[in-house]
């Protein structure tokens, strides 16, 4: 398997049941900024990743203050290595609305939903919503491949997996926010007008930023990005017809690039006359630096695009939003493509 397979869910379930039996209260994430613990008449919403959480906050507007909204992955652990706690399972079990990505990293969700106490829960699976917009991970020229694409137990090739990083497309975000709005209107129909008005306003912001991306790319002399890192930005580059090279696929567990990969990417930097080598949030930059050290000029910048896989509760408290990160990414993109 390319990703860390989620284990331990059975233990979480057991802990949940034991806690329930003794009348204890498991540790539940209720201290996410903007969340509030309410009475039984308040909406309870669980989002697995930061973009989902921020979209909900924007669509709900002032109504968010009277709801209990939980971001599960609020401590910097990305979805590829996330494992739910007993408290997470309990929170999901009884919520009114649950939002998750729906890729291989969310294998644990099926079992969690099977334990749901609230049978009227509305569930939004982002990849299901996008349907044929979902792309497969691809291996481009020069990229490291993983031996575990081959299923050693069966001797069969597993084939390409779907790229989970759907939120990194502003155009996907427009579709997903519409679906989340519909879900909120289902669980809280009295506020339908409010949610739809807020969504309309937010959609305008998404479209405006998308237009800014298109304009920046159209005016740029460079059309290729090169990542000395994992590459979770396929949805973004496809939106604006950009080419890319990278050391690893977006969900790769690899961290060490081979000599062949480094030399191939360094030669591409020289061939294309690139002034920057890209990394993503959380990277130590070692592969990018090694690539630069093997170019002819050795003077390229290292620039970071934020994939929002490590956003913490503290970041949110400091004002980080989906739009602010995507705006910052645009500024980095403009620097990389100049």
C-alpha atoms as a PDB file:
ATOM      1  CA  UNK A   1       0.000   0.000   0.000  1.00  0.00           C
ATOM      2  CA  UNK A   2       1.248   3.505  -0.779  1.00  0.00           C
ATOM      3  CA  UNK A   3      -0.231   5.020   2.310  1.00  0.00           C
ATOM      4  CA  UNK A   4      -0.132   4.006   5.910  1.00  0.00           C
ATOM      5  CA  UNK A   5      -3.086   1.676   6.352  1.00  0.00           C
ATOM      6  CA  UNK A   6      -5.330   2.732   9.174  1.00  0.00           C
ATOM      7  CA  UNK A   7      -5.172   0.220  11.998  1.00  0.00           C
ATOM      8  CA  UNK A   8      -6.409   0.342  15.528  1.00  0.00           C
ATOM      9  CA  UNK A   9     -10.011   1.302  14.777  1.00  0.00           C
ATOM     10  CA  UNK A  10     -11.244  -1.840  16.472  1.00  0.00           C
ATOM     11  CA  UNK A  11      -9.401  -0.799  19.632  1.00  0.00           C
ATOM     12  CA  UNK A  12     -10.970   2.648  19.386  1.00  0.00           C
ATOM     13  CA  UNK A  13     -14.392   1.084  19.161  1.00  0.00           C
ATOM     14  CA  UNK A  14     -13.660  -1.082  22.173  1.00  0.00           C
ATOM     15  CA  UNK A  15     -12.502   1.904  24.187  1.00  0.00           C
ATOM     16  CA  UNK A  16     -15.647   3.740  23.158  1.00  0.00           C
ATOM     17  CA  UNK A  17     -17.867   0.919  24.341  1.00  0.00           C
ATOM     18  CA  UNK A  18     -15.979   0.516  27.602  1.00  0.00           C
ATOM     19  CA  UNK A  19     -16.216   4.247  28.257  1.00  0.00           C
ATOM     20  CA  UNK A  20     -19.918   4.196  27.571  1.00  0.00           C
ATOM     21  CA  UNK A  21     -20.376   1.256  29.921  1.00  0.00           C
ATOM     22  CA  UNK A  22     -18.667   2.978  32.852  1.00  0.00           C
ATOM     23  CA  UNK A  23     -20.359   6.301  32.161  1.00  0.00           C
ATOM     24  CA  UNK A  24     -17.071   8.107  31.523  1.00  0.00           C
ATOM     25  CA  UNK A  25     -16.484  10.946  29.096  1.00  0.00           C
ATOM     26  CA  UNK A  26     -13.862  10.341  26.408  1.00  0.00           C
ATOM     27  CA  UNK A  27     -11.583  13.106  25.219  1.00  0.00           C
ATOM     28  CA  UNK A  28     -13.467  14.899  22.454  1.00  0.00           C
ATOM     29  CA  UNK A  29     -12.055  17.710  20.333  1.00  0.00           C
ATOM     30  CA  UNK A  30     -14.297  20.638  21.219  1.00  0.00           C
ATOM     31  CA  UNK A  31     -11.675  23.382  21.537  1.00  0.00           C
ATOM     32  CA  UNK A  32     -11.256  24.183  17.860  1.00  0.00           C
ATOM     33  CA  UNK A  33     -11.477  27.967  17.400  1.00  0.00           C
ATOM     34  CA  UNK A  34     -14.982  28.923  16.346  1.00  0.00           C
ATOM     35  CA  UNK A  35     -16.513  25.769  17.799  1.00  0.00           C
ATOM     36  CA  UNK A  36     -18.922  25.887  20.693  1.00  0.00           C
ATOM     37  CA  UNK A  37     -20.394  23.146  22.826  1.00  0.00           C
ATOM     38  CA  UNK A  38     -24.144  23.603  22.749  1.00  0.00           C
ATOM     39  CA  UNK A  39     -27.283  22.006  24.023  1.00  0.00           C
ATOM     40  CA  UNK A  40     -29.131  19.197  22.320  1.00  0.00           C
ATOM     41  CA  UNK A  41     -30.844  21.624  19.930  1.00  0.00           C
ATOM     42  CA  UNK A  42     -27.518  22.828  18.449  1.00  0.00           C
ATOM     43  CA  UNK A  43     -26.047  21.419  15.248  1.00  0.00           C
ATOM     44  CA  UNK A  44     -23.093  19.071  15.659  1.00  0.00           C
ATOM     45  CA  UNK A  45     -20.748  19.007  12.675  1.00  0.00           C
ATOM     46  CA  UNK A  46     -17.526  17.053  12.181  1.00  0.00           C
ATOM     47  CA  UNK A  47     -15.036  17.834   9.406  1.00  0.00           C
ATOM     48  CA  UNK A  48     -11.921  15.737   8.924  1.00  0.00           C
ATOM     49  CA  UNK A  49      -9.614  18.311   7.299  1.00  0.00           C
ATOM     50  CA  UNK A  50      -9.089  22.061   7.487  1.00  0.00           C
ATOM     51  CA  UNK A  51     -10.593  23.149   4.128  1.00  0.00           C
ATOM     52  CA  UNK A  52     -13.888  21.393   4.958  1.00  0.00           C
ATOM     53  CA  UNK A  53     -13.942  23.051   8.369  1.00  0.00           C
ATOM     54  CA  UNK A  54     -13.266  26.518   6.950  1.00  0.00           C
ATOM     55  CA  UNK A  55     -15.879  26.111   4.233  1.00  0.00           C
ATOM     56  CA  UNK A  56     -18.474  25.204   6.872  1.00  0.00           C
ATOM     57  CA  UNK A  57     -17.538  28.226   8.961  1.00  0.00           C
ATOM     58  CA  UNK A  58     -17.958  30.564   5.980  1.00  0.00           C
ATOM     59  CA  UNK A  59     -21.242  29.048   4.810  1.00  0.00           C
ATOM     60  CA  UNK A  60     -22.728  29.080   8.300  1.00  0.00           C
ATOM     61  CA  UNK A  61     -21.530  32.590   9.106  1.00  0.00           C
ATOM     62  CA  UNK A  62     -22.880  33.785  12.442  1.00  0.00           C
ATOM     63  CA  UNK A  63     -24.785  30.513  12.853  1.00  0.00           C
ATOM     64  CA  UNK A  64     -21.448  28.769  13.447  1.00  0.00           C
ATOM     65  CA  UNK A  65     -21.300  30.309  16.906  1.00  0.00           C
ATOM     66  CA  UNK A  66     -24.342  28.309  18.030  1.00  0.00           C
ATOM     67  CA  UNK A  67     -23.078  25.022  16.609  1.00  0.00           C
ATOM     68  CA  UNK A  68     -20.563  22.437  17.792  1.00  0.00           C
ATOM     69  CA  UNK A  69     -18.086  22.221  14.904  1.00  0.00           C
ATOM     70  CA  UNK A  70     -15.127  19.873  15.197  1.00  0.00           C
ATOM     71  CA  UNK A  71     -12.007  19.700  13.066  1.00  0.00           C
ATOM     72  CA  UNK A  72     -10.565  16.236  13.622  1.00  0.00           C
ATOM     73  CA  UNK A  73      -7.102  16.843  12.179  1.00  0.00           C
ATOM     74  CA  UNK A  74      -6.222  20.014  14.043  1.00  0.00           C
ATOM     75  CA  UNK A  75      -2.783  19.124  15.406  1.00  0.00           C
ATOM     76  CA  UNK A  76      -0.670  19.103  12.257  1.00  0.00           C
ATOM     77  CA  UNK A  77      -1.100  15.408  11.438  1.00  0.00           C
ATOM     78  CA  UNK A  78      -2.168  15.019   7.825  1.00  0.00           C
ATOM     79  CA  UNK A  79      -4.831  12.610   6.638  1.00  0.00           C
ATOM     80  CA  UNK A  80      -2.318  10.088   5.297  1.00  0.00           C
ATOM     81  CA  UNK A  81      -1.157   9.227   8.807  1.00  0.00           C
ATOM     82  CA  UNK A  82      -4.262  10.114  10.825  1.00  0.00           C
ATOM     83  CA  UNK A  83      -5.812   7.524  13.092  1.00  0.00           C
ATOM     84  CA  UNK A  84      -9.070   8.354  14.926  1.00  0.00           C
ATOM     85  CA  UNK A  85      -9.295   8.265  18.692  1.00  0.00           C
ATOM     86  CA  UNK A  86     -12.175   6.856  20.695  1.00  0.00           C
ATOM     87  CA  UNK A  87     -13.342  10.437  21.184  1.00  0.00           C
ATOM     88  CA  UNK A  88     -13.284  11.051  17.440  1.00  0.00           C
ATOM     89  CA  UNK A  89     -15.430   7.974  16.830  1.00  0.00           C
ATOM     90  CA  UNK A  90     -17.884   9.069  19.505  1.00  0.00           C
ATOM     91  CA  UNK A  91     -18.126  12.560  18.056  1.00  0.00           C
ATOM     92  CA  UNK A  92     -18.768  11.210  14.551  1.00  0.00           C
ATOM     93  CA  UNK A  93     -21.270   8.673  15.844  1.00  0.00           C
ATOM     94  CA  UNK A  94     -23.694  11.291  17.088  1.00  0.00           C
ATOM     95  CA  UNK A  95     -23.118  14.270  14.780  1.00  0.00           C
ATOM     96  CA  UNK A  96     -25.696  15.800  12.447  1.00  0.00           C
ATOM     97  CA  UNK A  97     -23.285  16.381   9.557  1.00  0.00           C
ATOM     98  CA  UNK A  98     -20.040  14.580   8.785  1.00  0.00           C
ATOM     99  CA  UNK A  99     -17.694  15.729   6.012  1.00  0.00           C
ATOM    100  CA  UNK A 100     -14.679  13.758   4.799  1.00  0.00           C
ATOM    101  CA  UNK A 101     -12.490  13.421   1.710  1.00  0.00           C
ATOM    102  CA  UNK A 102     -13.319   9.829   0.807  1.00  0.00           C
ATOM    103  CA  UNK A 103      -9.991   8.539  -0.511  1.00  0.00           C
ATOM    104  CA  UNK A 104      -7.825   5.664   0.595  1.00  0.00           C
ATOM    105  CA  UNK A 105      -6.607   7.591   3.636  1.00  0.00           C
ATOM    106  CA  UNK A 106     -10.194   7.543   4.919  1.00  0.00           C
ATOM    107  CA  UNK A 107     -10.514   3.758   4.967  1.00  0.00           C
ATOM    108  CA  UNK A 108     -11.372   4.004   8.662  1.00  0.00           C
ATOM    109  CA  UNK A 109     -14.516   6.051   7.985  1.00  0.00           C
ATOM    110  CA  UNK A 110     -16.663   3.144   6.786  1.00  0.00           C
ATOM    111  CA  UNK A 111     -16.349   1.375  10.122  1.00  0.00           C
ATOM    112  CA  UNK A 112     -16.893   4.610  12.023  1.00  0.00           C
ATOM    113  CA  UNK A 113     -20.128   5.313  10.171  1.00  0.00           C
ATOM    114  CA  UNK A 114     -21.301   1.752  10.773  1.00  0.00           C
ATOM    115  CA  UNK A 115     -21.266   2.587  14.492  1.00  0.00           C
ATOM    116  CA  UNK A 116     -23.290   5.783  14.048  1.00  0.00           C
ATOM    117  CA  UNK A 117     -25.940   6.379  16.693  1.00  0.00           C
ATOM    118  CA  UNK A 118     -27.580   9.186  14.719  1.00  0.00           C
ATOM    119  CA  UNK A 119     -29.221   7.383  11.802  1.00  0.00           C
ATOM    120  CA  UNK A 120     -30.364  10.734  10.360  1.00  0.00           C
ATOM    121  CA  UNK A 121     -26.782  11.946   9.974  1.00  0.00           C
ATOM    122  CA  UNK A 122     -26.006  13.641   6.652  1.00  0.00           C
ATOM    123  CA  UNK A 123     -22.650  12.596   5.188  1.00  0.00           C
ATOM    124  CA  UNK A 124     -20.672  14.486   2.539  1.00  0.00           C
ATOM    125  CA  UNK A 125     -17.928  12.520   0.774  1.00  0.00           C
ATOM    126  CA  UNK A 126     -15.942  15.065  -1.231  1.00  0.00           C
ATOM    127  CA  UNK A 127     -14.706  12.607  -3.832  1.00  0.00           C
ATOM    128  CA  UNK A 128     -18.203  11.222  -4.354  1.00  0.00           C
ATOM    129  CA  UNK A 129     -19.478  14.774  -4.857  1.00  0.00           C
ATOM    130  CA  UNK A 130     -16.826  15.470  -7.504  1.00  0.00           C
ATOM    131  CA  UNK A 131     -17.478  12.233  -9.364  1.00  0.00           C
ATOM    132  CA  UNK A 132     -15.629  12.183 -12.679  1.00  0.00           C
ATOM    133  CA  UNK A 133     -13.707  15.317 -11.701  1.00  0.00           C
ATOM    134  CA  UNK A 134     -11.567  13.107  -9.467  1.00  0.00           C
ATOM    135  CA  UNK A 135      -8.172  12.384 -11.010  1.00  0.00           C
ATOM    136  CA  UNK A 136      -5.900   9.404 -10.666  1.00  0.00           C
ATOM    137  CA  UNK A 137      -2.423   9.890  -9.284  1.00  0.00           C
ATOM    138  CA  UNK A 138       0.059   9.836 -12.138  1.00  0.00           C
ATOM    139  CA  UNK A 139       3.721   9.047 -12.430  1.00  0.00           C
ATOM    140  CA  UNK A 140       5.432  11.624 -14.624  1.00  0.00           C
ATOM    141  CA  UNK A 141       8.848  11.296 -16.202  1.00  0.00           C
ATOM    142  CA  UNK A 142      11.630  11.229 -13.627  1.00  0.00           C
ATOM    143  CA  UNK A 143       9.364  10.610 -10.634  1.00  0.00           C
ATOM    144  CA  UNK A 144      10.240   7.983  -8.040  1.00  0.00           C
ATOM    145  CA  UNK A 145       7.988   4.937  -8.164  1.00  0.00           C
ATOM    146  CA  UNK A 146       7.107   2.782  -5.183  1.00  0.00           C
ATOM    147  CA  UNK A 147       7.710  -0.960  -5.070  1.00  0.00           C
ATOM    148  CA  UNK A 148       4.529  -1.405  -3.065  1.00  0.00           C
ATOM    149  CA  UNK A 149       2.405  -0.586  -6.092  1.00  0.00           C
ATOM    150  CA  UNK A 150       2.694  -4.350  -6.515  1.00  0.00           C
ATOM    151  CA  UNK A 151       0.596  -6.370  -4.135  1.00  0.00           C
ATOM    152  CA  UNK A 152       3.207  -8.777  -2.823  1.00  0.00           C
ATOM    153  CA  UNK A 153       0.617 -11.112  -1.319  1.00  0.00           C
ATOM    154  CA  UNK A 154      -1.365 -11.586  -4.516  1.00  0.00           C
ATOM    155  CA  UNK A 155       1.292 -10.846  -7.100  1.00  0.00           C
ATOM    156  CA  UNK A 156      -1.125  -8.429  -8.761  1.00  0.00           C
ATOM    157  CA  UNK A 157      -0.551  -4.786  -9.582  1.00  0.00           C
ATOM    158  CA  UNK A 158      -2.900  -2.495  -7.698  1.00  0.00           C
ATOM    159  CA  UNK A 159      -2.865   0.184 -10.397  1.00  0.00           C
ATOM    160  CA  UNK A 160      -3.096   3.956  -9.928  1.00  0.00           C
ATOM    161  CA  UNK A 161      -5.031   5.364  -6.993  1.00  0.00           C
ATOM    162  CA  UNK A 162      -7.241   8.418  -6.938  1.00  0.00           C
ATOM    163  CA  UNK A 163      -5.556  11.673  -6.011  1.00  0.00           C
ATOM    164  CA  UNK A 164      -7.128  12.754  -2.727  1.00  0.00           C
ATOM    165  CA  UNK A 165      -5.986  16.383  -2.731  1.00  0.00           C
ATOM    166  CA  UNK A 166      -9.206  17.649  -4.264  1.00  0.00           C
ATOM    167  CA  UNK A 167      -9.352  20.823  -2.154  1.00  0.00           C
ATOM    168  CA  UNK A 168      -6.317  22.336  -3.902  1.00  0.00           C
ATOM    169  CA  UNK A 169      -8.480  23.330  -6.858  1.00  0.00           C
ATOM    170  CA  UNK A 170     -10.531  26.482  -6.416  1.00  0.00           C
ATOM    171  CA  UNK A 171     -12.902  25.126  -9.046  1.00  0.00           C
ATOM    172  CA  UNK A 172     -13.416  21.956  -7.042  1.00  0.00           C
ATOM    173  CA  UNK A 173     -13.992  24.131  -3.971  1.00  0.00           C
ATOM    174  CA  UNK A 174     -16.908  25.827  -5.729  1.00  0.00           C
ATOM    175  CA  UNK A 175     -18.599  22.481  -6.367  1.00  0.00           C
ATOM    176  CA  UNK A 176     -17.867  21.183  -2.875  1.00  0.00           C
ATOM    177  CA  UNK A 177     -19.166  24.307  -1.130  1.00  0.00           C
ATOM    178  CA  UNK A 178     -22.443  23.977  -3.025  1.00  0.00           C
ATOM    179  CA  UNK A 179     -22.768  20.399  -1.761  1.00  0.00           C
ATOM    180  CA  UNK A 180     -21.929  21.375   1.817  1.00  0.00           C
ATOM    181  CA  UNK A 181     -24.514  24.164   1.588  1.00  0.00           C
ATOM    182  CA  UNK A 182     -27.144  21.649   0.466  1.00  0.00           C
ATOM    183  CA  UNK A 183     -26.215  19.402   3.392  1.00  0.00           C
ATOM    184  CA  UNK A 184     -26.502  22.260   5.893  1.00  0.00           C
ATOM    185  CA  UNK A 185     -29.885  23.177   4.475  1.00  0.00           C
ATOM    186  CA  UNK A 186     -30.987  19.574   4.997  1.00  0.00           C
ATOM    187  CA  UNK A 187     -29.960  19.407   8.655  1.00  0.00           C
ATOM    188  CA  UNK A 188     -31.036  22.977   9.469  1.00  0.00           C
ATOM    189  CA  UNK A 189     -33.766  23.858   6.983  1.00  0.00           C
ATOM    190  CA  UNK A 190     -34.910  26.945   8.906  1.00  0.00           C
ATOM    191  CA  UNK A 191     -31.646  28.671   7.985  1.00  0.00           C
ATOM    192  CA  UNK A 192     -31.686  27.747   4.287  1.00  0.00           C
ATOM    193  CA  UNK A 193     -31.816  31.360   3.086  1.00  0.00           C
ATOM    194  CA  UNK A 194     -28.900  32.302   5.332  1.00  0.00           C
ATOM    195  CA  UNK A 195     -26.707  29.420   4.182  1.00  0.00           C
ATOM    196  CA  UNK A 196     -27.425  29.979   0.515  1.00  0.00           C
ATOM    197  CA  UNK A 197     -26.746  33.709   0.778  1.00  0.00           C
ATOM    198  CA  UNK A 198     -23.465  33.076   2.604  1.00  0.00           C
ATOM    199  CA  UNK A 199     -22.470  30.476   0.031  1.00  0.00           C
ATOM    200  CA  UNK A 200     -23.209  32.868  -2.822  1.00  0.00           C
ATOM    201  CA  UNK A 201     -20.918  35.434  -1.235  1.00  0.00           C
ATOM    202  CA  UNK A 202     -18.173  32.880  -0.640  1.00  0.00           C
ATOM    203  CA  UNK A 203     -18.505  31.524  -4.175  1.00  0.00           C
ATOM    204  CA  UNK A 204     -17.835  35.023  -5.488  1.00  0.00           C
ATOM    205  CA  UNK A 205     -14.579  35.099  -3.506  1.00  0.00           C
ATOM    206  CA  UNK A 206     -13.551  31.693  -4.853  1.00  0.00           C
ATOM    207  CA  UNK A 207     -14.294  32.742  -8.427  1.00  0.00           C
ATOM    208  CA  UNK A 208     -12.420  36.021  -8.033  1.00  0.00           C
ATOM    209  CA  UNK A 209      -9.325  34.228  -6.774  1.00  0.00           C
ATOM    210  CA  UNK A 210      -9.612  31.641  -9.554  1.00  0.00           C
ATOM    211  CA  UNK A 211      -9.648  34.509 -12.055  1.00  0.00           C
ATOM    212  CA  UNK A 212      -6.514  35.941 -10.424  1.00  0.00           C
ATOM    213  CA  UNK A 213      -4.770  32.572 -10.826  1.00  0.00           C
ATOM    214  CA  UNK A 214      -5.762  32.366 -14.478  1.00  0.00           C
ATOM    215  CA  UNK A 215      -4.531  35.891 -15.150  1.00  0.00           C
ATOM    216  CA  UNK A 216      -1.212  35.280 -13.374  1.00  0.00           C
ATOM    217  CA  UNK A 217      -0.534  32.084 -15.305  1.00  0.00           C
ATOM    218  CA  UNK A 218      -1.597  33.594 -18.640  1.00  0.00           C
ATOM    219  CA  UNK A 219       0.859  36.452 -18.121  1.00  0.00           C
ATOM    220  CA  UNK A 220       3.754  34.224 -17.001  1.00  0.00           C
ATOM    221  CA  UNK A 221       6.586  33.267 -19.385  1.00  0.00           C
ATOM    222  CA  UNK A 222       7.182  29.980 -17.524  1.00  0.00           C
ATOM    223  CA  UNK A 223       4.665  27.128 -17.719  1.00  0.00           C
ATOM    224  CA  UNK A 224       6.372  24.424 -15.650  1.00  0.00           C
ATOM    225  CA  UNK A 225       6.784  23.800 -11.938  1.00  0.00           C
ATOM    226  CA  UNK A 226       9.432  21.446 -10.575  1.00  0.00           C
ATOM    227  CA  UNK A 227       9.027  19.931  -7.105  1.00  0.00           C
ATOM    228  CA  UNK A 228      11.890  18.486  -5.108  1.00  0.00           C
ATOM    229  CA  UNK A 229       9.221  16.950  -2.949  1.00  0.00           C
ATOM    230  CA  UNK A 230       5.854  15.216  -3.003  1.00  0.00           C
ATOM    231  CA  UNK A 231       3.383  16.629  -5.507  1.00  0.00           C
ATOM    232  CA  UNK A 232      -0.202  17.085  -4.232  1.00  0.00           C
ATOM    233  CA  UNK A 233      -1.042  19.935  -6.630  1.00  0.00           C
ATOM    234  CA  UNK A 234      -2.225  18.085  -9.719  1.00  0.00           C
ATOM    235  CA  UNK A 235      -5.730  19.561  -9.480  1.00  0.00           C
ATOM    236  CA  UNK A 236      -4.275  23.061  -9.354  1.00  0.00           C
ATOM    237  CA  UNK A 237      -1.831  22.604 -12.232  1.00  0.00           C
ATOM    238  CA  UNK A 238      -4.500  20.976 -14.403  1.00  0.00           C
ATOM    239  CA  UNK A 239      -6.870  23.891 -13.773  1.00  0.00           C
ATOM    240  CA  UNK A 240      -4.367  26.312 -15.314  1.00  0.00           C
ATOM    241  CA  UNK A 241      -2.706  24.004 -17.878  1.00  0.00           C
ATOM    242  CA  UNK A 242       0.664  24.002 -16.120  1.00  0.00           C
ATOM    243  CA  UNK A 243       3.231  21.248 -16.581  1.00  0.00           C
ATOM    244  CA  UNK A 244       5.170  19.769 -13.697  1.00  0.00           C
ATOM    245  CA  UNK A 245       7.958  17.465 -12.650  1.00  0.00           C
ATOM    246  CA  UNK A 246       8.346  16.079  -9.144  1.00  0.00           C
ATOM    247  CA  UNK A 247      10.419  13.715  -7.059  1.00  0.00           C
ATOM    248  CA  UNK A 248       7.424  11.866  -5.601  1.00  0.00           C
ATOM    249  CA  UNK A 249       3.682  11.483  -6.112  1.00  0.00           C
ATOM    250  CA  UNK A 250       1.343  13.413  -3.830  1.00  0.00           C
ATOM    251  CA  UNK A 251       0.640  10.652  -1.346  1.00  0.00           C
ATOM    252  CA  UNK A 252       4.006   8.936  -1.538  1.00  0.00           C
ATOM    253  CA  UNK A 253       5.593   7.770   1.686  1.00  0.00           C
ATOM    254  CA  UNK A 254       9.057   8.149   0.161  1.00  0.00           C
ATOM    255  CA  UNK A 255      11.408  10.837   1.458  1.00  0.00           C
ATOM    256  CA  UNK A 256      14.732   9.888  -0.132  1.00  0.00           C
ATOM    257  CA  UNK A 257      15.201  10.499  -3.844  1.00  0.00           C
ATOM    258  CA  UNK A 258      17.506   8.297  -5.887  1.00  0.00           C
ATOM    259  CA  UNK A 259      20.583   9.643  -7.655  1.00  0.00           C
ATOM    260  CA  UNK A 260      18.802   9.150 -10.971  1.00  0.00           C
ATOM    261  CA  UNK A 261      15.798  11.188  -9.864  1.00  0.00           C
ATOM    262  CA  UNK A 262      17.937  14.029  -8.518  1.00  0.00           C
ATOM    263  CA  UNK A 263      20.034  14.237 -11.693  1.00  0.00           C
ATOM    264  CA  UNK A 264      16.973  14.066 -13.941  1.00  0.00           C
ATOM    265  CA  UNK A 265      15.286  16.921 -12.071  1.00  0.00           C
ATOM    266  CA  UNK A 266      18.482  18.994 -11.914  1.00  0.00           C
ATOM    267  CA  UNK A 267      18.898  18.615 -15.665  1.00  0.00           C
ATOM    268  CA  UNK A 268      15.268  19.683 -16.146  1.00  0.00           C
ATOM    269  CA  UNK A 269      15.909  22.823 -14.111  1.00  0.00           C
ATOM    270  CA  UNK A 270      18.815  23.645 -16.439  1.00  0.00           C
ATOM    271  CA  UNK A 271      16.947  22.695 -19.604  1.00  0.00           C
ATOM    272  CA  UNK A 272      13.895  24.802 -18.769  1.00  0.00           C
ATOM    273  CA  UNK A 273      15.833  27.664 -17.212  1.00  0.00           C
ATOM    274  CA  UNK A 274      13.825  27.486 -13.996  1.00  0.00           C
ATOM    275  CA  UNK A 275      14.646  29.944 -11.218  1.00  0.00           C
ATOM    276  CA  UNK A 276      12.924  27.971  -8.445  1.00  0.00           C
ATOM    277  CA  UNK A 277      12.544  24.465  -7.076  1.00  0.00           C
ATOM    278  CA  UNK A 278       9.312  23.890  -5.189  1.00  0.00           C
ATOM    279  CA  UNK A 279       8.593  22.194  -1.870  1.00  0.00           C
ATOM    280  CA  UNK A 280       5.417  21.741   0.159  1.00  0.00           C
ATOM    281  CA  UNK A 281       4.527  22.548   3.760  1.00  0.00           C
ATOM    282  CA  UNK A 282       6.256  20.317   6.293  1.00  0.00           C
ATOM    283  CA  UNK A 283       9.196  19.544   4.015  1.00  0.00           C
ATOM    284  CA  UNK A 284      12.774  19.685   5.261  1.00  0.00           C
ATOM    285  CA  UNK A 285      13.856  20.849   1.812  1.00  0.00           C
ATOM    286  CA  UNK A 286      16.748  18.387   1.558  1.00  0.00           C
ATOM    287  CA  UNK A 287      15.749  16.912  -1.792  1.00  0.00           C
ATOM    288  CA  UNK A 288      15.138  20.376  -3.264  1.00  0.00           C
ATOM    289  CA  UNK A 289      18.536  21.551  -2.040  1.00  0.00           C
ATOM    290  CA  UNK A 290      20.263  18.486  -3.497  1.00  0.00           C
ATOM    291  CA  UNK A 291      18.612  19.125  -6.864  1.00  0.00           C
ATOM    292  CA  UNK A 292      19.809  22.733  -6.836  1.00  0.00           C
ATOM    293  CA  UNK A 293      23.336  21.647  -5.891  1.00  0.00           C
ATOM    294  CA  UNK A 294      23.404  19.546  -9.062  1.00  0.00           C
ATOM    295  CA  UNK A 295      22.297  22.276 -11.470  1.00  0.00           C
ATOM    296  CA  UNK A 296      24.775  24.248 -13.528  1.00  0.00           C
ATOM    297  CA  UNK A 297      24.239  27.534 -11.673  1.00  0.00           C
ATOM    298  CA  UNK A 298      23.253  26.288  -8.199  1.00  0.00           C
ATOM    299  CA  UNK A 299      21.431  29.556  -7.541  1.00  0.00           C
ATOM    300  CA  UNK A 300      17.738  28.632  -7.715  1.00  0.00           C
ATOM    301  CA  UNK A 301      15.339  29.633  -4.957  1.00  0.00           C
ATOM    302  CA  UNK A 302      13.408  27.115  -2.877  1.00  0.00           C
ATOM    303  CA  UNK A 303       9.740  28.143  -2.799  1.00  0.00           C
ATOM    304  CA  UNK A 304       6.994  26.490  -0.757  1.00  0.00           C
ATOM    305  CA  UNK A 305       3.390  25.884  -1.789  1.00  0.00           C
ATOM    306  CA  UNK A 306       1.036  25.145   1.097  1.00  0.00           C
ATOM    307  CA  UNK A 307      -1.084  22.011   0.644  1.00  0.00           C
ATOM    308  CA  UNK A 308      -3.002  22.690   3.888  1.00  0.00           C
ATOM    309  CA  UNK A 309      -2.255  19.203   5.214  1.00  0.00           C
ATOM    310  CA  UNK A 310      -0.698  20.439   8.440  1.00  0.00           C
ATOM    311  CA  UNK A 311      -2.956  23.331   9.501  1.00  0.00           C
ATOM    312  CA  UNK A 312      -3.393  23.388  13.274  1.00  0.00           C
ATOM    313  CA  UNK A 313      -5.947  24.865  15.642  1.00  0.00           C
ATOM    314  CA  UNK A 314      -3.374  27.518  16.505  1.00  0.00           C
ATOM    315  CA  UNK A 315      -3.068  28.474  12.838  1.00  0.00           C
ATOM    316  CA  UNK A 316      -6.841  28.882  12.634  1.00  0.00           C
ATOM    317  CA  UNK A 317      -6.839  30.946  15.807  1.00  0.00           C
ATOM    318  CA  UNK A 318      -4.183  33.161  14.189  1.00  0.00           C
ATOM    319  CA  UNK A 319      -6.429  33.853  11.209  1.00  0.00           C
ATOM    320  CA  UNK A 320      -5.507  31.169   8.681  1.00  0.00           C
ATOM    321  CA  UNK A 321      -8.328  30.505   6.214  1.00  0.00           C
ATOM    322  CA  UNK A 322      -8.679  28.482   3.032  1.00  0.00           C
ATOM    323  CA  UNK A 323      -8.735  31.678   0.981  1.00  0.00           C
ATOM    324  CA  UNK A 324      -5.721  33.175   2.770  1.00  0.00           C
ATOM    325  CA  UNK A 325      -3.642  30.067   2.062  1.00  0.00           C
ATOM    326  CA  UNK A 326      -4.727  29.953  -1.576  1.00  0.00           C
ATOM    327  CA  UNK A 327      -3.955  33.664  -1.923  1.00  0.00           C
ATOM    328  CA  UNK A 328      -0.476  33.086  -0.469  1.00  0.00           C
ATOM    329  CA  UNK A 329      -0.002  30.162  -2.848  1.00  0.00           C
ATOM    330  CA  UNK A 330      -0.832  32.471  -5.754  1.00  0.00           C
ATOM    331  CA  UNK A 331       1.914  34.850  -4.668  1.00  0.00           C
ATOM    332  CA  UNK A 332       4.382  31.946  -4.536  1.00  0.00           C
ATOM    333  CA  UNK A 333       3.191  30.704  -7.925  1.00  0.00           C
ATOM    334  CA  UNK A 334       3.743  34.140  -9.458  1.00  0.00           C
ATOM    335  CA  UNK A 335       7.306  34.153  -8.099  1.00  0.00           C
ATOM    336  CA  UNK A 336       7.988  30.640  -9.423  1.00  0.00           C
ATOM    337  CA  UNK A 337       6.660  31.378 -12.916  1.00  0.00           C
ATOM    338  CA  UNK A 338       8.302  34.731 -13.513  1.00  0.00           C
END
